[in-house]
Amino acid sequence: YIGNRNLNFLTGLRPHELKITLMDWEGQTRYAHYDAFSVGAEADKFPLTLGDYSGDAGDGMAHNNGMRFSTDDQDNDHYSGDCASDRKGAWWHGYCTKANLNGLYFRGSYSGVWRGVFWYDWRGHRYSLKHTEMKMRPL
């Protein structure tokens, strides 16, 4: 992870797109593509901006678009609790999230709820993915 300051700097130079690749423990892969991607300034809590979705993973980031980055000590979500703490991962949480690539790393299915590295629209919230990649490139 290159950090939000670097993401802000790079995506502020010119427009970017984002491709997220997901792999489960059986070796199956899915992807989500967003035709626009940027991370805003630190003073604004690094808000996420995503364009239109395409792909076969489901639009797991729809609820994250426009959200500010939340961590254990920076609760910037809309939830009455603290999503970053509850979901065990810093992320662009809204009313928490349907995708968390910074969650706890479990091997496949787990008994906890919403705490693994998950993409709800594909494998649900009780399955932790084996491998994920977020790749951006200038347009």
Protein backbone atom coordinates (compact mmCIF):
# COMPACT_ATOMS: atom_id res chain seq x y z
CA TYR A 1 0.00 0.00 0.00
CA ILE A 2 1.57 3.28 -1.06
CA GLY A 3 -0.39 5.43 1.39
CA ASN A 4 -3.16 7.99 1.07
CA ARG A 5 -0.82 10.98 0.75
CA ASN A 6 0.82 9.36 -2.27
CA LEU A 7 -2.55 8.37 -3.73
CA ASN A 8 -3.74 11.96 -3.32
CA PHE A 9 -0.62 13.30 -5.00
CA LEU A 10 -0.69 10.88 -7.93
CA THR A 11 -4.43 11.03 -8.63
CA GLY A 12 -4.33 14.81 -8.35
CA LEU A 13 -1.86 15.11 -11.24
CA ARG A 14 -4.24 13.72 -13.87
CA PRO A 15 -7.29 11.42 -14.12
CA HIS A 16 -6.86 7.75 -13.22
CA GLU A 17 -8.84 4.54 -13.43
CA LEU A 18 -8.82 1.69 -10.90
CA LYS A 19 -8.91 -2.08 -11.30
CA ILE A 20 -9.37 -4.29 -8.26
CA THR A 21 -8.53 -7.97 -8.70
CA LEU A 22 -9.76 -10.50 -6.14
CA MET A 23 -8.73 -14.14 -5.64
CA ASP A 24 -10.35 -16.69 -3.34
CA TRP A 25 -8.71 -19.74 -1.76
CA GLU A 26 -9.91 -21.99 -4.60
CA GLY A 27 -7.98 -19.92 -7.16
CA GLN A 28 -11.04 -18.24 -8.69
CA THR A 29 -10.63 -14.58 -9.62
CA ARG A 30 -13.00 -11.67 -10.13
CA TYR A 31 -12.42 -8.02 -10.89
CA ALA A 32 -14.01 -4.60 -10.43
CA HIS A 33 -13.08 -1.74 -12.72
CA TYR A 34 -13.85 1.93 -12.04
CA ASP A 35 -13.40 4.34 -14.94
CA ALA A 36 -12.38 7.15 -12.57
CA PHE A 37 -10.42 7.04 -9.32
CA SER A 38 -9.02 9.67 -7.00
CA VAL A 39 -8.20 10.17 -3.34
CA GLY A 40 -8.71 13.67 -1.96
CA ALA A 41 -6.55 15.75 0.36
CA GLU A 42 -5.52 14.87 3.90
CA ALA A 43 -7.23 18.04 5.19
CA ASP A 44 -10.50 16.56 3.90
CA LYS A 45 -9.72 13.10 5.38
CA PHE A 46 -8.73 11.52 2.04
CA PRO A 47 -12.18 11.18 0.42
CA LEU A 48 -12.54 8.46 -2.21
CA THR A 49 -13.99 9.25 -5.64
CA LEU A 50 -14.92 6.42 -8.00
CA GLY A 51 -16.42 6.51 -11.47
CA ASP A 52 -18.66 3.97 -13.16
CA TYR A 53 -18.26 0.28 -12.32
CA SER A 54 -17.78 -2.63 -14.69
CA GLY A 55 -16.59 -6.16 -13.99
CA ASP A 56 -17.67 -9.54 -12.64
CA ALA A 57 -17.11 -9.07 -8.88
CA GLY A 58 -20.13 -6.88 -8.22
CA ASP A 59 -19.91 -3.21 -7.30
CA GLY A 60 -18.59 -3.76 -3.79
CA MET A 61 -17.28 -0.20 -3.55
CA ALA A 62 -20.58 1.57 -4.33
CA HIS A 63 -21.09 2.37 -0.63
CA ASN A 64 -17.53 3.69 -0.29
CA ASN A 65 -17.70 6.29 -3.05
CA GLY A 66 -17.39 9.77 -1.56
CA MET A 67 -16.44 8.46 1.88
CA ARG A 68 -13.56 9.75 3.97
CA PHE A 69 -10.85 7.36 5.18
CA SER A 70 -11.42 5.97 8.68
CA THR A 71 -8.90 4.41 11.06
CA ASP A 72 -9.04 3.30 14.70
CA ASP A 73 -8.20 6.84 15.79
CA GLN A 74 -10.00 8.75 12.98
CA ASP A 75 -13.69 7.79 12.90
CA ASN A 76 -14.90 9.47 9.69
CA ASP A 77 -17.76 7.12 8.77
CA HIS A 78 -21.54 7.63 9.04
CA TYR A 79 -22.06 4.69 11.41
CA SER A 80 -22.95 5.38 15.06
CA GLY A 81 -20.04 3.15 16.09
CA ASP A 82 -16.53 2.99 14.64
CA CYS A 83 -16.39 0.89 11.47
CA ALA A 84 -12.59 0.79 11.26
CA SER A 85 -12.44 -0.65 14.76
CA ASP A 86 -15.48 -2.93 14.39
CA ARG A 87 -14.43 -4.23 10.97
CA LYS A 88 -10.77 -4.50 11.98
CA GLY A 89 -9.45 -2.42 9.13
CA ALA A 90 -8.91 1.16 8.06
CA TRP A 91 -10.94 1.92 4.93
CA TRP A 92 -13.33 4.33 3.24
CA HIS A 93 -16.21 3.25 5.46
CA GLY A 94 -19.69 4.73 5.11
CA TYR A 95 -22.25 2.84 7.13
CA CYS A 96 -19.36 0.41 7.32
CA THR A 97 -18.78 -1.38 4.02
CA LYS A 98 -19.53 -4.16 1.56
CA ALA A 99 -15.83 -4.47 0.69
CA ASN A 100 -12.82 -4.29 2.98
CA LEU A 101 -9.43 -5.09 1.52
CA ASN A 102 -7.70 -4.02 4.76
CA GLY A 103 -9.53 -6.46 7.05
CA LEU A 104 -8.08 -9.35 9.04
CA TYR A 105 -6.48 -12.11 6.97
CA PHE A 106 -8.25 -15.42 7.51
CA ARG A 107 -8.03 -18.58 5.41
CA GLY A 108 -11.36 -18.67 3.56
CA SER A 109 -14.55 -19.00 5.60
CA TYR A 110 -14.48 -17.75 9.17
CA SER A 111 -16.97 -17.49 12.02
CA GLY A 112 -16.63 -13.76 12.60
CA VAL A 113 -18.79 -11.25 10.80
CA TRP A 114 -17.49 -8.50 8.50
CA ARG A 115 -13.90 -8.71 9.79
CA GLY A 116 -11.90 -10.48 7.09
CA VAL A 117 -10.58 -9.33 3.74
CA PHE A 118 -13.95 -9.51 2.00
CA TRP A 119 -15.94 -8.47 -1.05
CA TYR A 120 -19.56 -9.01 -0.05
CA ASP A 121 -21.01 -8.99 -3.57
CA TRP A 122 -18.84 -11.96 -4.55
CA ARG A 123 -18.03 -14.23 -1.57
CA GLY A 124 -20.02 -12.60 1.21
CA HIS A 125 -18.92 -11.18 4.56
CA ARG A 126 -17.81 -14.45 6.18
CA TYR A 127 -15.19 -15.37 3.61
CA SER A 128 -11.71 -13.86 3.68
CA LEU A 129 -10.04 -13.58 0.29
CA LYS A 130 -6.59 -15.00 -0.34
CA HIS A 131 -5.25 -12.21 -2.55
CA THR A 132 -6.35 -8.75 -3.64
CA GLU A 133 -4.78 -6.06 -5.80
CA MET A 134 -5.73 -2.44 -6.36
CA LYS A 135 -4.11 -1.17 -9.56
CA MET A 136 -4.48 2.35 -10.87
CA ARG A 137 -3.27 3.93 -14.06
CA PRO A 138 -3.50 7.32 -15.68
CA LEU A 139 -6.12 7.82 -18.38
